[in-house]
Amino acid sequence: MMLLQTSPGAVCMLSTKRQLASIRAVSGNKLLRLLLSFAVGGLLGDVFLHLLPEAWNHIEHLGPEVHSKHLTLGLWVLLGMFSFVILEIMFAASRGETETPENNNVQNTDKCFYDEKEVHNSKYICNGNSAYHETYAHSPQKPLQNGSLNHSTNKITGYLNLMANSIDNFTHGLAVAGSFLVGIKMGMLTTFAILIHEIPHEIGDFAILLRSGFNPWNAAKAQISTATIGVLGAVVALSSESADKLGNCTSWILPFTSGGFLNIALVNVLPDLLKEKDPRESVKQMLCLCGGIGIMALVNILTH
């Protein structure tokens, strides 16, 4: 507790600004968590309603080899999951758990917001010529008890998400160029389907990058840079002799990417959302998660 003697006008102005900033911070944190819930739903919908069905569809025509190929597909999913776990451990070991947060507007989101109750803990006692500011806000800032996150782990999650998206965009480049090898009409339809599919996906990825400490501009630049990997996929596809041969050579990419997305959604992002203690916010987050799955389902229905 501290007592500061100053003019009543200055105290009231500081009080108002401080409380408004705290309220905006809490509101921003809630919005980010809703976007993260949507991201989890989008990733799960992408894996189970798009990537894995595409991989299964590719091996259905193999006849007697189908069973062994199904087993191989499952192994690639597991390999993708464990590869991302190993990468996360390696990144954490190399960067250290005491990484200093950078100064930006969205950095370390959960730690820079006041607890909602703290907004109301300030008392202002004014008399004729002076004012006393009695507050606990001068005590060391504490992170939200509701789901405080380790910054280093968050940052690693962002990098892993960029890596998974790079692989995913590579497959999109393969699909677009490979479909043009079949015919112009097929190529146009595939391109349109992928563009529609990517809209909810990119919204969720943007939220994950914000959670990881990226500011909005850097998050946008990172997403654009991963999109350029699709050009590499298109070059690989166009250099192939046929679409069938291309599919056989790259059939492992879809299940491997699925494993990476499952790791990001269920291991890195969802556990933080489960720490929510406000029942209303939990319901909102669950609705956003289901909304992400529903949108991915709708996109897949409309584009097939």
Protein backbone atom coordinates (compact mmCIF):
# COMPACT_ATOMS: atom_id res chain seq x y z
CA MET A 1 0.00 0.00 0.00
CA MET A 2 1.34 3.43 -0.91
CA LEU A 3 0.16 6.99 -0.23
CA LEU A 4 0.89 9.60 -2.91
CA GLN A 5 0.04 13.27 -2.37
CA THR A 6 -0.79 15.13 -5.56
CA SER A 7 -3.48 17.27 -7.15
CA PRO A 8 -6.98 15.78 -7.26
CA GLY A 9 -7.32 16.38 -11.01
CA ALA A 10 -4.14 14.47 -11.83
CA VAL A 11 -5.14 11.59 -9.58
CA CYS A 12 -8.60 11.29 -11.12
CA MET A 13 -7.14 11.41 -14.64
CA LEU A 14 -4.54 8.75 -13.83
CA SER A 15 -7.22 6.64 -12.17
CA THR A 16 -9.51 6.79 -15.20
CA LYS A 17 -6.74 6.05 -17.71
CA ARG A 18 -5.40 3.18 -15.65
CA GLN A 19 -8.78 1.53 -15.22
CA LEU A 20 -9.73 1.97 -18.88
CA ALA A 21 -6.40 0.48 -19.97
CA SER A 22 -6.90 -2.48 -17.65
CA ILE A 23 -10.45 -3.06 -18.89
CA ARG A 24 -9.30 -2.90 -22.52
CA ALA A 25 -6.48 -5.33 -21.74
CA VAL A 26 -8.84 -7.84 -20.13
CA SER A 27 -11.29 -7.52 -23.04
CA GLY A 28 -8.46 -8.03 -25.54
CA ASN A 29 -7.31 -11.12 -23.70
CA LYS A 30 -10.82 -12.60 -23.82
CA LEU A 31 -11.10 -11.90 -27.54
CA LEU A 32 -7.74 -13.54 -28.20
CA ARG A 33 -8.83 -16.65 -26.29
CA LEU A 34 -11.99 -16.84 -28.40
CA LEU A 35 -9.88 -16.62 -31.56
CA LEU A 36 -7.59 -19.33 -30.21
CA SER A 37 -10.62 -21.54 -29.58
CA PHE A 38 -11.68 -20.95 -33.17
CA ALA A 39 -8.12 -21.84 -34.25
CA VAL A 40 -8.24 -25.16 -32.37
CA GLY A 41 -11.56 -26.01 -34.01
CA GLY A 42 -10.21 -25.03 -37.41
CA LEU A 43 -7.12 -27.20 -37.01
CA LEU A 44 -9.13 -30.20 -35.83
CA GLY A 45 -11.62 -29.74 -38.65
CA ASP A 46 -8.80 -29.42 -41.16
CA VAL A 47 -7.17 -32.64 -39.94
CA PHE A 48 -10.24 -34.88 -39.63
CA LEU A 49 -12.42 -33.42 -42.39
CA HIS A 50 -9.84 -32.54 -45.03
CA LEU A 51 -6.26 -33.80 -44.70
CA LEU A 52 -6.87 -37.35 -43.47
CA PRO A 53 -9.86 -38.00 -45.79
CA GLU A 54 -7.69 -36.85 -48.70
CA ALA A 55 -4.94 -39.23 -47.62
CA TRP A 56 -7.40 -42.13 -47.22
CA ASN A 57 -8.96 -41.38 -50.60
CA HIS A 58 -5.55 -41.60 -52.22
CA ILE A 59 -4.94 -45.18 -51.04
CA GLU A 60 -8.44 -46.61 -51.62
CA HIS A 61 -7.61 -47.80 -55.15
CA LEU A 62 -4.60 -49.88 -54.08
CA GLY A 63 -6.58 -53.14 -53.70
CA PRO A 64 -4.90 -55.78 -51.48
CA GLU A 65 -2.35 -53.24 -50.23
CA VAL A 66 -4.98 -51.03 -48.61
CA HIS A 67 -4.57 -52.48 -45.09
CA SER A 68 -0.80 -52.00 -45.04
CA LYS A 69 -1.19 -48.48 -46.46
CA HIS A 70 -3.72 -47.60 -43.74
CA LEU A 71 -1.18 -48.75 -41.16
CA THR A 72 1.51 -46.67 -42.84
CA LEU A 73 -0.79 -43.65 -42.87
CA GLY A 74 -1.37 -43.96 -39.12
CA LEU A 75 2.36 -44.26 -38.51
CA TRP A 76 2.98 -41.07 -40.48
CA VAL A 77 0.42 -39.24 -38.31
CA LEU A 78 2.19 -40.42 -35.15
CA LEU A 79 5.56 -39.52 -36.63
CA GLY A 80 4.29 -36.02 -37.37
CA MET A 81 3.08 -35.58 -33.79
CA PHE A 82 6.27 -36.84 -32.18
CA SER A 83 8.46 -34.89 -34.61
CA PHE A 84 6.85 -31.66 -33.45
CA VAL A 85 7.22 -32.71 -29.80
CA ILE A 86 10.94 -33.36 -30.36
CA LEU A 87 11.34 -30.03 -32.18
CA GLU A 88 9.62 -28.23 -29.30
CA ILE A 89 11.99 -29.85 -26.79
CA MET A 90 15.00 -28.94 -28.92
CA PHE A 91 13.87 -25.32 -29.33
CA ALA A 92 13.18 -25.00 -25.60
CA ALA A 93 16.62 -26.38 -24.75
CA SER A 94 18.41 -24.07 -27.19
CA ARG A 95 16.51 -20.89 -26.28
CA GLY A 96 16.28 -21.54 -22.55
CA GLU A 97 13.24 -21.20 -20.32
CA THR A 98 14.25 -17.70 -19.11
CA GLU A 99 13.89 -15.96 -22.45
CA THR A 100 13.26 -12.24 -21.97
CA PRO A 101 9.99 -11.04 -23.48
CA GLU A 102 10.28 -8.49 -26.27
CA ASN A 103 8.52 -5.16 -26.04
CA ASN A 104 5.58 -5.10 -28.38
CA ASN A 105 1.86 -4.59 -28.15
CA VAL A 106 0.85 -8.23 -28.07
CA GLN A 107 3.97 -9.76 -26.53
CA ASN A 108 3.34 -12.30 -23.79
CA THR A 109 -0.35 -11.57 -23.85
CA ASP A 110 -1.41 -13.44 -20.74
CA LYS A 111 1.25 -11.83 -18.56
CA CYS A 112 0.64 -8.21 -19.54
CA PHE A 113 -3.02 -8.08 -18.51
CA TYR A 114 -4.29 -7.20 -15.06
CA ASP A 115 -6.67 -9.42 -13.23
CA GLU A 116 -10.18 -8.04 -13.66
CA LYS A 117 -10.57 -7.70 -9.88
CA GLU A 118 -7.46 -5.53 -9.66
CA VAL A 119 -9.20 -2.84 -11.68
CA HIS A 120 -11.49 -2.21 -8.71
CA ASN A 121 -8.82 -2.28 -5.99
CA SER A 122 -7.90 1.43 -6.23
CA LYS A 123 -9.36 3.99 -3.85
CA TYR A 124 -9.09 7.76 -4.27
CA ILE A 125 -9.65 10.07 -1.28
CA CYS A 126 -9.85 13.72 -2.24
CA ASN A 127 -9.99 16.76 0.03
CA GLY A 128 -9.96 20.43 -0.73
CA ASN A 129 -6.37 20.95 -1.87
CA SER A 130 -4.84 17.52 -2.14
CA ALA A 131 -5.67 13.93 -2.87
CA TYR A 132 -4.40 10.65 -1.56
CA HIS A 133 -4.13 7.70 -3.90
CA GLU A 134 -4.51 4.47 -1.97
CA THR A 135 -3.97 1.51 -4.25
CA TYR A 136 -2.42 -1.87 -4.60
CA ALA A 137 -1.66 -1.25 -8.24
CA HIS A 138 1.88 -0.13 -7.33
CA SER A 139 2.68 -3.58 -6.06
CA PRO A 140 4.55 -5.87 -8.47
CA GLN A 141 2.36 -6.78 -11.40
CA LYS A 142 1.09 -10.29 -11.34
CA PRO A 143 0.01 -12.29 -14.35
CA LEU A 144 -3.47 -13.61 -14.74
CA GLN A 145 -3.98 -16.55 -12.44
CA ASN A 146 -6.45 -17.77 -15.05
CA GLY A 147 -4.16 -19.49 -17.52
CA SER A 148 -0.78 -17.82 -17.19
CA LEU A 149 1.55 -19.05 -19.93
CA ASN A 150 5.24 -19.62 -20.29
CA HIS A 151 6.48 -17.13 -22.89
CA SER A 152 9.22 -19.34 -24.25
CA THR A 153 6.79 -22.19 -24.87
CA ASN A 154 4.35 -19.80 -26.56
CA LYS A 155 7.05 -18.55 -28.91
CA ILE A 156 8.03 -22.09 -29.84
CA THR A 157 4.39 -22.90 -30.59
CA GLY A 158 4.32 -20.02 -33.07
CA TYR A 159 7.40 -21.31 -34.88
CA LEU A 160 6.02 -24.85 -34.97
CA ASN A 161 2.76 -23.54 -36.40
CA LEU A 162 4.66 -21.69 -39.12
CA MET A 163 6.56 -24.87 -39.92
CA ALA A 164 3.35 -26.92 -40.16
CA ASN A 165 1.75 -24.26 -42.34
CA SER A 166 4.77 -24.26 -44.64
CA ILE A 167 4.36 -28.00 -45.18
CA ASP A 168 0.59 -27.56 -45.63
CA ASN A 169 1.10 -24.80 -48.20
CA PHE A 170 3.63 -26.99 -50.00
CA THR A 171 0.91 -29.63 -50.40
CA HIS A 172 -1.48 -26.95 -51.67
CA GLY A 173 1.06 -25.98 -54.31
CA LEU A 174 1.36 -29.63 -55.28
CA ALA A 175 -2.43 -29.98 -55.48
CA VAL A 176 -2.97 -26.86 -57.60
CA ALA A 177 -0.18 -27.58 -60.08
CA GLY A 178 -0.99 -31.30 -60.16
CA SER A 179 -4.64 -30.59 -60.95
CA PHE A 180 -3.61 -28.35 -63.84
CA LEU A 181 -1.64 -31.31 -65.19
CA VAL A 182 -4.99 -33.14 -65.39
CA GLY A 183 -6.85 -30.26 -67.03
CA ILE A 184 -7.54 -26.53 -66.86
CA LYS A 185 -11.06 -26.99 -65.46
CA MET A 186 -9.80 -29.29 -62.71
CA GLY A 187 -7.02 -26.83 -61.91
CA MET A 188 -9.43 -23.90 -61.57
CA LEU A 189 -11.79 -25.87 -59.32
CA THR A 190 -8.92 -27.03 -57.10
CA THR A 191 -7.54 -23.50 -56.81
CA PHE A 192 -10.95 -22.12 -55.81
CA ALA A 193 -11.48 -24.89 -53.26
CA ILE A 194 -8.10 -24.26 -51.62
CA LEU A 195 -8.66 -20.49 -51.46
CA ILE A 196 -12.03 -20.95 -49.71
CA HIS A 197 -10.53 -23.57 -47.41
CA GLU A 198 -7.67 -21.29 -46.36
CA ILE A 199 -9.75 -18.33 -45.16
CA PRO A 200 -10.82 -19.77 -41.75
CA HIS A 201 -7.48 -21.57 -41.50
CA GLU A 202 -5.51 -18.30 -41.79
CA ILE A 203 -7.70 -16.57 -39.18
CA GLY A 204 -6.88 -19.29 -36.69
CA ASP A 205 -3.17 -19.23 -37.57
CA PHE A 206 -3.12 -15.46 -37.04
CA ALA A 207 -4.54 -15.90 -33.52
CA ILE A 208 -1.92 -18.55 -32.69
CA LEU A 209 0.88 -16.22 -33.82
CA LEU A 210 -0.51 -13.37 -31.70
CA ARG A 211 -0.58 -15.70 -28.70
CA SER A 212 3.04 -16.60 -29.43
CA GLY A 213 4.21 -13.00 -29.09
CA PHE A 214 4.09 -11.77 -32.69
CA ASN A 215 2.66 -8.31 -33.25
CA PRO A 216 -0.04 -8.11 -35.96
CA TRP A 217 2.33 -6.86 -38.69
CA ASN A 218 4.98 -9.51 -38.03
CA ALA A 219 2.29 -12.20 -37.88
CA ALA A 220 0.97 -11.11 -41.28
CA LYS A 221 4.48 -11.11 -42.77
CA ALA A 222 5.16 -14.57 -41.35
CA GLN A 223 1.96 -15.94 -42.89
CA ILE A 224 2.83 -14.43 -46.27
CA SER A 225 6.29 -15.98 -46.10
CA THR A 226 4.82 -19.44 -45.48
CA ALA A 227 2.45 -18.95 -48.41
CA THR A 228 5.45 -18.61 -50.74
CA ILE A 229 6.32 -22.25 -49.96
CA GLY A 230 3.29 -23.13 -52.06
CA VAL A 231 5.19 -21.85 -55.10
CA LEU A 232 7.90 -24.42 -54.39
CA GLY A 233 5.25 -27.13 -54.25
CA ALA A 234 3.88 -26.00 -57.60
CA VAL A 235 7.36 -26.13 -59.16
CA VAL A 236 7.86 -29.68 -57.86
CA ALA A 237 4.47 -30.72 -59.27
CA LEU A 238 5.10 -29.20 -62.69
CA SER A 239 8.45 -30.96 -62.90
CA SER A 240 6.74 -34.31 -62.32
CA GLU A 241 5.84 -36.56 -65.24
CA SER A 242 2.22 -37.16 -64.15
CA ALA A 243 -0.24 -36.39 -61.37
CA ASP A 244 -0.44 -40.06 -60.32
CA LYS A 245 3.32 -40.37 -59.95
CA LEU A 246 3.38 -37.14 -57.98
CA GLY A 247 0.69 -38.46 -55.61
CA ASN A 248 2.58 -41.67 -54.95
CA CYS A 249 5.79 -39.79 -54.13
CA THR A 250 4.15 -37.32 -51.72
CA SER A 251 1.44 -39.45 -50.07
CA TRP A 252 3.20 -39.18 -46.69
CA ILE A 253 2.96 -35.36 -46.52
CA LEU A 254 -0.76 -35.13 -45.65
CA PRO A 255 -0.69 -37.51 -42.63
CA PHE A 256 2.60 -36.03 -41.40
CA THR A 257 1.11 -32.52 -41.54
CA SER A 258 -2.00 -33.82 -39.76
CA GLY A 259 0.14 -35.04 -36.89
CA GLY A 260 1.80 -31.64 -36.61
CA PHE A 261 -1.54 -29.82 -36.53
CA LEU A 262 -2.87 -32.22 -33.88
CA ASN A 263 0.16 -31.50 -31.72
CA ILE A 264 -0.28 -27.73 -32.01
CA ALA A 265 -4.03 -27.81 -31.34
CA LEU A 266 -4.26 -30.41 -28.56
CA VAL A 267 -0.86 -30.14 -26.84
CA ASN A 268 0.08 -26.46 -27.10
CA VAL A 269 -3.11 -24.38 -27.41
CA LEU A 270 -6.04 -26.34 -25.93
CA PRO A 271 -4.47 -26.91 -22.44
CA ASP A 272 -4.21 -23.13 -21.96
CA LEU A 273 -7.88 -22.69 -22.85
CA LEU A 274 -8.87 -25.39 -20.36
CA LYS A 275 -7.48 -23.21 -17.54
CA GLU A 276 -10.37 -20.78 -17.99
CA LYS A 277 -12.29 -20.45 -14.70
CA ASP A 278 -15.18 -18.27 -15.87
CA PRO A 279 -18.03 -20.61 -16.93
CA ARG A 280 -19.43 -18.07 -19.37
CA GLU A 281 -16.09 -17.64 -21.10
CA SER A 282 -15.65 -21.42 -21.23
CA VAL A 283 -19.03 -21.75 -22.98
CA LYS A 284 -18.06 -19.01 -25.46
CA GLN A 285 -14.74 -20.71 -26.14
CA MET A 286 -16.42 -24.06 -26.70
CA LEU A 287 -18.88 -22.45 -29.13
CA CYS A 288 -15.99 -20.86 -31.02
CA LEU A 289 -14.20 -24.22 -31.14
CA CYS A 290 -17.32 -25.90 -32.54
CA GLY A 291 -17.72 -22.97 -34.92
CA GLY A 292 -14.22 -23.56 -36.27
CA ILE A 293 -15.01 -27.23 -36.89
CA GLY A 294 -18.38 -26.35 -38.43
CA ILE A 295 -16.90 -23.83 -40.84
CA MET A 296 -14.24 -26.30 -42.00
CA ALA A 297 -16.98 -28.91 -42.50
CA LEU A 298 -19.09 -26.44 -44.50
CA VAL A 299 -16.12 -25.45 -46.65
CA ASN A 300 -15.34 -29.09 -47.43
CA ILE A 301 -18.99 -29.79 -48.32
CA LEU A 302 -19.16 -26.78 -50.64
CA THR A 303 -15.87 -27.52 -52.38
CA HIS A 304 -16.40 -31.24 -53.06
